[in-house]
Amino acid sequence: MNCWHCDRPAHGVCQFCGRAVCKSHAQTMPHVVAVYRSKAGNPMVIATDNALHCGVCHPKDDPIQLDSLDE
């Protein structure tokens, strides 16, 4: 697979959209890995700080409400 930007061999894929990127074009940003409720019923998130990002896609800045979690 080749880099979306330069068509050279890629070293990974964007965690947000799946585009391939090489080391020169790779960026990072926080990524939510999982969302769940604690035993007390509180919404919890497992996140990573340095997920691979292509720099092309635009993950939403504002959270999106998941109504199905309120049931």
PDB file of N, CA and C in Angstrom:
ATOM      1  N   MET A   1       0.852  -1.165   0.000  1.00  0.00           N
ATOM      2  CA  MET A   1       0.000   0.000   0.000  1.00  0.00           C
ATOM      3  C   MET A   1       0.903   1.235   0.000  1.00  0.00           C
ATOM      4  N   ASN A   2       0.490   2.259  -0.717  1.00  0.00           N
ATOM      5  CA  ASN A   2       1.288   3.478  -0.821  1.00  0.00           C
ATOM      6  C   ASN A   2       0.632   4.646  -0.102  1.00  0.00           C
ATOM      7  N   CYS A   3       1.476   5.620   0.252  1.00  0.00           N
ATOM      8  CA  CYS A   3       1.035   6.818   0.971  1.00  0.00           C
ATOM      9  C   CYS A   3       0.032   7.613   0.139  1.00  0.00           C
ATOM     10  N   TRP A   4      -1.005   8.071   0.795  1.00  0.00           N
ATOM     11  CA  TRP A   4      -2.033   8.888   0.154  1.00  0.00           C
ATOM     12  C   TRP A   4      -1.447  10.175  -0.419  1.00  0.00           C
ATOM     13  N   HIS A   5      -0.438  10.739   0.234  1.00  0.00           N
ATOM     14  CA  HIS A   5       0.135  12.022  -0.151  1.00  0.00           C
ATOM     15  C   HIS A   5       1.167  11.914  -1.278  1.00  0.00           C
ATOM     16  N   CYS A   6       2.105  10.967  -1.155  1.00  0.00           N
ATOM     17  CA  CYS A   6       3.269  10.970  -2.047  1.00  0.00           C
ATOM     18  C   CYS A   6       3.441   9.694  -2.879  1.00  0.00           C
ATOM     19  N   ASP A   7       2.596   8.720  -2.677  1.00  0.00           N
ATOM     20  CA  ASP A   7       2.613   7.466  -3.438  1.00  0.00           C
ATOM     21  C   ASP A   7       3.856   6.610  -3.181  1.00  0.00           C
ATOM     22  N   ARG A   8       4.601   6.899  -2.098  1.00  0.00           N
ATOM     23  CA  ARG A   8       5.700   6.024  -1.672  1.00  0.00           C
ATOM     24  C   ARG A   8       5.140   4.983  -0.719  1.00  0.00           C
ATOM     25  N   PRO A   9       5.917   3.937  -0.383  1.00  0.00           N
ATOM     26  CA  PRO A   9       5.406   2.910   0.530  1.00  0.00           C
ATOM     27  C   PRO A   9       4.917   3.510   1.859  1.00  0.00           C
ATOM     28  N   ALA A  10       3.765   3.044   2.303  1.00  0.00           N
ATOM     29  CA  ALA A  10       3.172   3.524   3.555  1.00  0.00           C
ATOM     30  C   ALA A  10       3.716   2.734   4.742  1.00  0.00           C
ATOM     31  N   HIS A  11       3.637   3.343   5.911  1.00  0.00           N
ATOM     32  CA  HIS A  11       4.081   2.701   7.137  1.00  0.00           C
ATOM     33  C   HIS A  11       2.927   2.465   8.106  1.00  0.00           C
ATOM     34  N   GLY A  12       1.753   2.972   7.791  1.00  0.00           N
ATOM     35  CA  GLY A  12       0.590   2.780   8.645  1.00  0.00           C
ATOM     36  C   GLY A  12      -0.644   3.360   8.004  1.00  0.00           C
ATOM     37  N   VAL A  13      -1.778   3.213   8.704  1.00  0.00           N
ATOM     38  CA  VAL A  13      -3.048   3.735   8.192  1.00  0.00           C
ATOM     39  C   VAL A  13      -3.689   4.646   9.234  1.00  0.00           C
ATOM     40  N   CYS A  14      -4.374   5.647   8.757  1.00  0.00           N
ATOM     41  CA  CYS A  14      -5.071   6.604   9.613  1.00  0.00           C
ATOM     42  C   CYS A  14      -6.132   5.879  10.445  1.00  0.00           C
ATOM     43  N   GLN A  15      -6.144   6.127  11.737  1.00  0.00           N
ATOM     44  CA  GLN A  15      -7.125   5.517  12.634  1.00  0.00           C
ATOM     45  C   GLN A  15      -8.528   6.078  12.429  1.00  0.00           C
ATOM     46  N   PHE A  16      -8.651   7.175  11.706  1.00  0.00           N
ATOM     47  CA  PHE A  16      -9.934   7.833  11.546  1.00  0.00           C
ATOM     48  C   PHE A  16     -10.601   7.519  10.211  1.00  0.00           C
ATOM     49  N   CYS A  17      -9.810   7.409   9.131  1.00  0.00           N
ATOM     50  CA  CYS A  17     -10.422   7.188   7.815  1.00  0.00           C
ATOM     51  C   CYS A  17      -9.839   5.993   7.066  1.00  0.00           C
ATOM     52  N   GLY A  18      -8.666   5.495   7.481  1.00  0.00           N
ATOM     53  CA  GLY A  18      -8.074   4.329   6.830  1.00  0.00           C
ATOM     54  C   GLY A  18      -7.116   4.648   5.698  1.00  0.00           C
ATOM     55  N   ARG A  19      -6.837   5.922   5.422  1.00  0.00           N
ATOM     56  CA  ARG A  19      -5.863   6.256   4.381  1.00  0.00           C
ATOM     57  C   ARG A  19      -4.468   5.818   4.823  1.00  0.00           C
ATOM     58  N   ALA A  20      -3.672   5.320   3.881  1.00  0.00           N
ATOM     59  CA  ALA A  20      -2.302   4.909   4.175  1.00  0.00           C
ATOM     60  C   ALA A  20      -1.390   6.130   4.180  1.00  0.00           C
ATOM     61  N   VAL A  21      -0.413   6.150   5.085  1.00  0.00           N
ATOM     62  CA  VAL A  21       0.544   7.254   5.157  1.00  0.00           C
ATOM     63  C   VAL A  21       1.945   6.738   5.440  1.00  0.00           C
ATOM     64  N   CYS A  22       2.933   7.446   4.892  1.00  0.00           N
ATOM     65  CA  CYS A  22       4.334   7.136   5.164  1.00  0.00           C
ATOM     66  C   CYS A  22       4.775   7.891   6.417  1.00  0.00           C
ATOM     67  N   LYS A  23       5.989   7.626   6.895  1.00  0.00           N
ATOM     68  CA  LYS A  23       6.490   8.295   8.094  1.00  0.00           C
ATOM     69  C   LYS A  23       6.604   9.805   7.903  1.00  0.00           C
ATOM     70  N   SER A  24       6.920  10.247   6.697  1.00  0.00           N
ATOM     71  CA  SER A  24       7.068  11.683   6.445  1.00  0.00           C
ATOM     72  C   SER A  24       5.754  12.442   6.564  1.00  0.00           C
ATOM     73  N   HIS A  25       4.657  11.803   6.220  1.00  0.00           N
ATOM     74  CA  HIS A  25       3.364  12.479   6.220  1.00  0.00           C
ATOM     75  C   HIS A  25       2.493  12.108   7.428  1.00  0.00           C
ATOM     76  N   ALA A  26       2.939  11.198   8.248  1.00  0.00           N
ATOM     77  CA  ALA A  26       2.154  10.772   9.405  1.00  0.00           C
ATOM     78  C   ALA A  26       2.036  11.897  10.426  1.00  0.00           C
ATOM     79  N   GLN A  27       0.859  12.036  10.986  1.00  0.00           N
ATOM     80  CA  GLN A  27       0.586  12.967  12.076  1.00  0.00           C
ATOM     81  C   GLN A  27      -0.075  12.159  13.191  1.00  0.00           C
ATOM     82  N   THR A  28      -0.229  12.747  14.348  1.00  0.00           N
ATOM     83  CA  THR A  28      -0.922  12.054  15.430  1.00  0.00           C
ATOM     84  C   THR A  28      -1.963  12.979  16.046  1.00  0.00           C
ATOM     85  N   MET A  29      -2.960  12.361  16.663  1.00  0.00           N
ATOM     86  CA  MET A  29      -3.967  13.084  17.431  1.00  0.00           C
ATOM     87  C   MET A  29      -4.665  12.098  18.354  1.00  0.00           C
ATOM     88  N   PRO A  30      -5.373  12.574  19.378  1.00  0.00           N
ATOM     89  CA  PRO A  30      -6.062  11.669  20.298  1.00  0.00           C
ATOM     90  C   PRO A  30      -7.149  10.869  19.582  1.00  0.00           C
ATOM     91  N   HIS A  31      -7.385   9.652  20.070  1.00  0.00           N
ATOM     92  CA  HIS A  31      -8.379   8.764  19.463  1.00  0.00           C
ATOM     93  C   HIS A  31      -9.086   7.984  20.561  1.00  0.00           C
ATOM     94  N   VAL A  32     -10.403   7.948  20.507  1.00  0.00           N
ATOM     95  CA  VAL A  32     -11.186   7.167  21.457  1.00  0.00           C
ATOM     96  C   VAL A  32     -11.174   5.711  21.005  1.00  0.00           C
ATOM     97  N   VAL A  33     -10.720   4.835  21.896  1.00  0.00           N
ATOM     98  CA  VAL A  33     -10.639   3.411  21.581  1.00  0.00           C
ATOM     99  C   VAL A  33     -11.931   2.699  21.970  1.00  0.00           C
ATOM    100  N   ALA A  34     -12.509   3.075  23.109  1.00  0.00           N
ATOM    101  CA  ALA A  34     -13.731   2.417  23.582  1.00  0.00           C
ATOM    102  C   ALA A  34     -14.535   3.357  24.475  1.00  0.00           C
ATOM    103  N   VAL A  35     -15.855   3.160  24.485  1.00  0.00           N
ATOM    104  CA  VAL A  35     -16.764   3.891  25.359  1.00  0.00           C
ATOM    105  C   VAL A  35     -17.599   2.845  26.085  1.00  0.00           C
ATOM    106  N   TYR A  36     -17.750   3.009  27.391  1.00  0.00           N
ATOM    107  CA  TYR A  36     -18.523   2.044  28.167  1.00  0.00           C
ATOM    108  C   TYR A  36     -19.052   2.722  29.428  1.00  0.00           C
ATOM    109  N   ARG A  37     -19.888   2.014  30.171  1.00  0.00           N
ATOM    110  CA  ARG A  37     -20.389   2.508  31.453  1.00  0.00           C
ATOM    111  C   ARG A  37     -19.682   1.760  32.582  1.00  0.00           C
ATOM    112  N   SER A  38     -19.297   2.503  33.616  1.00  0.00           N
ATOM    113  CA  SER A  38     -18.675   1.889  34.785  1.00  0.00           C
ATOM    114  C   SER A  38     -19.739   1.125  35.575  1.00  0.00           C
ATOM    115  N   LYS A  39     -19.307   0.389  36.575  1.00  0.00           N
ATOM    116  CA  LYS A  39     -20.261  -0.343  37.422  1.00  0.00           C
ATOM    117  C   LYS A  39     -21.234   0.617  38.102  1.00  0.00           C
ATOM    118  N   ALA A  40     -20.793   1.852  38.324  1.00  0.00           N
ATOM    119  CA  ALA A  40     -21.657   2.868  38.938  1.00  0.00           C
ATOM    120  C   ALA A  40     -22.583   3.528  37.913  1.00  0.00           C
ATOM    121  N   GLY A  41     -22.425   3.185  36.629  1.00  0.00           N
ATOM    122  CA  GLY A  41     -23.283   3.734  35.585  1.00  0.00           C
ATOM    123  C   GLY A  41     -22.750   4.982  34.912  1.00  0.00           C
ATOM    124  N   ASN A  42     -21.533   5.380  35.245  1.00  0.00           N
ATOM    125  CA  ASN A  42     -20.948   6.579  34.642  1.00  0.00           C
ATOM    126  C   ASN A  42     -20.359   6.282  33.270  1.00  0.00           C
ATOM    127  N   PRO A  43     -20.569   7.169  32.286  1.00  0.00           N
ATOM    128  CA  PRO A  43     -19.943   6.965  30.975  1.00  0.00           C
ATOM    129  C   PRO A  43     -18.417   7.098  31.100  1.00  0.00           C
ATOM    130  N   MET A  44     -17.683   6.160  30.532  1.00  0.00           N
ATOM    131  CA  MET A  44     -16.223   6.146  30.594  1.00  0.00           C
ATOM    132  C   MET A  44     -15.666   6.007  29.178  1.00  0.00           C
ATOM    133  N   VAL A  45     -14.438   6.507  28.975  1.00  0.00           N
ATOM    134  CA  VAL A  45     -13.784   6.438  27.674  1.00  0.00           C
ATOM    135  C   VAL A  45     -12.354   5.946  27.860  1.00  0.00           C
ATOM    136  N   ILE A  46     -11.928   5.039  26.996  1.00  0.00           N
ATOM    137  CA  ILE A  46     -10.519   4.659  26.913  1.00  0.00           C
ATOM    138  C   ILE A  46      -9.994   5.344  25.658  1.00  0.00           C
ATOM    139  N   ALA A  47      -8.920   6.140  25.807  1.00  0.00           N
ATOM    140  CA  ALA A  47      -8.388   6.909  24.682  1.00  0.00           C
ATOM    141  C   ALA A  47      -6.874   6.776  24.609  1.00  0.00           C
ATOM    142  N   THR A  48      -6.330   7.040  23.431  1.00  0.00           N
ATOM    143  CA  THR A  48      -4.887   7.091  23.238  1.00  0.00           C
ATOM    144  C   THR A  48      -4.524   8.479  22.733  1.00  0.00           C
ATOM    145  N   ASP A  49      -3.360   8.987  23.143  1.00  0.00           N
ATOM    146  CA  ASP A  49      -2.951  10.343  22.769  1.00  0.00           C
ATOM    147  C   ASP A  49      -2.364  10.443  21.367  1.00  0.00           C
ATOM    148  N   ASN A  50      -1.705   9.412  20.894  1.00  0.00           N
ATOM    149  CA  ASN A  50      -0.914   9.501  19.663  1.00  0.00           C
ATOM    150  C   ASN A  50      -1.369   8.535  18.576  1.00  0.00           C
ATOM    151  N   ALA A  51      -2.643   8.541  18.253  1.00  0.00           N
ATOM    152  CA  ALA A  51      -3.136   7.697  17.166  1.00  0.00           C
ATOM    153  C   ALA A  51      -2.675   8.264  15.824  1.00  0.00           C
ATOM    154  N   LEU A  52      -2.356   7.404  14.886  1.00  0.00           N
ATOM    155  CA  LEU A  52      -1.906   7.818  13.565  1.00  0.00           C
ATOM    156  C   LEU A  52      -3.028   8.544  12.826  1.00  0.00           C
ATOM    157  N   HIS A  53      -2.700   9.710  12.270  1.00  0.00           N
ATOM    158  CA  HIS A  53      -3.671  10.525  11.538  1.00  0.00           C
ATOM    159  C   HIS A  53      -3.063  10.925  10.197  1.00  0.00           C
ATOM    160  N   CYS A  54      -3.870  10.878   9.136  1.00  0.00           N
ATOM    161  CA  CYS A  54      -3.377  11.173   7.788  1.00  0.00           C
ATOM    162  C   CYS A  54      -3.197  12.669   7.530  1.00  0.00           C
ATOM    163  N   GLY A  55      -3.896  13.509   8.279  1.00  0.00           N
ATOM    164  CA  GLY A  55      -3.845  14.941   8.044  1.00  0.00           C
ATOM    165  C   GLY A  55      -4.807  15.407   6.966  1.00  0.00           C
ATOM    166  N   VAL A  56      -5.496  14.489   6.322  1.00  0.00           N
ATOM    167  CA  VAL A  56      -6.445  14.831   5.261  1.00  0.00           C
ATOM    168  C   VAL A  56      -7.870  14.853   5.802  1.00  0.00           C
ATOM    169  N   CYS A  57      -8.249  13.821   6.523  1.00  0.00           N
ATOM    170  CA  CYS A  57      -9.616  13.749   7.047  1.00  0.00           C
ATOM    171  C   CYS A  57      -9.767  14.705   8.225  1.00  0.00           C
ATOM    172  N   HIS A  58     -10.995  15.020   8.571  1.00  0.00           N
ATOM    173  CA  HIS A  58     -11.275  15.989   9.625  1.00  0.00           C
ATOM    174  C   HIS A  58     -12.231  15.395  10.650  1.00  0.00           C
ATOM    175  N   PRO A  59     -11.699  14.645  11.620  1.00  0.00           N
ATOM    176  CA  PRO A  59     -12.570  14.152  12.681  1.00  0.00           C
ATOM    177  C   PRO A  59     -13.265  15.318  13.370  1.00  0.00           C
ATOM    178  N   LYS A  60     -14.479  15.120  13.789  1.00  0.00           N
ATOM    179  CA  LYS A  60     -15.279  16.191  14.394  1.00  0.00           C
ATOM    180  C   LYS A  60     -14.663  16.671  15.704  1.00  0.00           C
ATOM    181  N   ASP A  61     -14.626  17.996  15.893  1.00  0.00           N
ATOM    182  CA  ASP A  61     -14.141  18.589  17.138  1.00  0.00           C
ATOM    183  C   ASP A  61     -15.149  18.431  18.268  1.00  0.00           C
ATOM    184  N   ASP A  62     -16.430  18.542  17.921  1.00  0.00           N
ATOM    185  CA  ASP A  62     -17.484  18.448  18.929  1.00  0.00           C
ATOM    186  C   ASP A  62     -17.983  17.023  19.046  1.00  0.00           C
ATOM    187  N   PRO A  63     -18.281  16.593  20.262  1.00  0.00           N
ATOM    188  CA  PRO A  63     -18.810  15.238  20.447  1.00  0.00           C
ATOM    189  C   PRO A  63     -20.161  15.071  19.765  1.00  0.00           C
ATOM    190  N   ILE A  64     -20.454  13.854  19.386  1.00  0.00           N
ATOM    191  CA  ILE A  64     -21.741  13.509  18.791  1.00  0.00           C
ATOM    192  C   ILE A  64     -22.510  12.694  19.813  1.00  0.00           C
ATOM    193  N   GLN A  65     -23.721  13.108  20.121  1.00  0.00           N
ATOM    194  CA  GLN A  65     -24.526  12.401  21.115  1.00  0.00           C
ATOM    195  C   GLN A  65     -24.932  11.032  20.599  1.00  0.00           C
ATOM    196  N   LEU A  66     -24.774  10.029  21.451  1.00  0.00           N
ATOM    197  CA  LEU A  66     -25.192   8.673  21.133  1.00  0.00           C
ATOM    198  C   LEU A  66     -26.418   8.361  21.977  1.00  0.00           C
ATOM    199  N   ASP A  67     -27.587   8.567  21.412  1.00  0.00           N
ATOM    200  CA  ASP A  67     -28.817   8.378  22.156  1.00  0.00           C
ATOM    201  C   ASP A  67     -28.969   6.948  22.675  1.00  0.00           C
ATOM    202  N   SER A  68     -28.453   5.974  21.933  1.00  0.00           N
ATOM    203  CA  SER A  68     -28.614   4.579  22.333  1.00  0.00           C
ATOM    204  C   SER A  68     -27.905   4.262  23.644  1.00  0.00           C
ATOM    205  N   LEU A  69     -26.934   5.068  24.085  1.00  0.00           N
ATOM    206  CA  LEU A  69     -26.262   4.827  25.355  1.00  0.00           C
ATOM    207  C   LEU A  69     -27.106   5.258  26.547  1.00  0.00           C
ATOM    208  N   ASP A  70     -28.131   6.068  26.299  1.00  0.00           N
ATOM    209  CA  ASP A  70     -28.980   6.558  27.373  1.00  0.00           C
ATOM    210  C   ASP A  70     -30.041   5.540  27.790  1.00  0.00           C
ATOM    211  N   GLU A  71     -30.184   4.459  27.083  1.00  0.00           N
ATOM    212  CA  GLU A  71     -31.228   3.465  27.391  1.00  0.00           C
ATOM    213  C   GLU A  71     -30.832   2.589  28.535  1.00  0.00           C
TER     214      GLU A  71
END
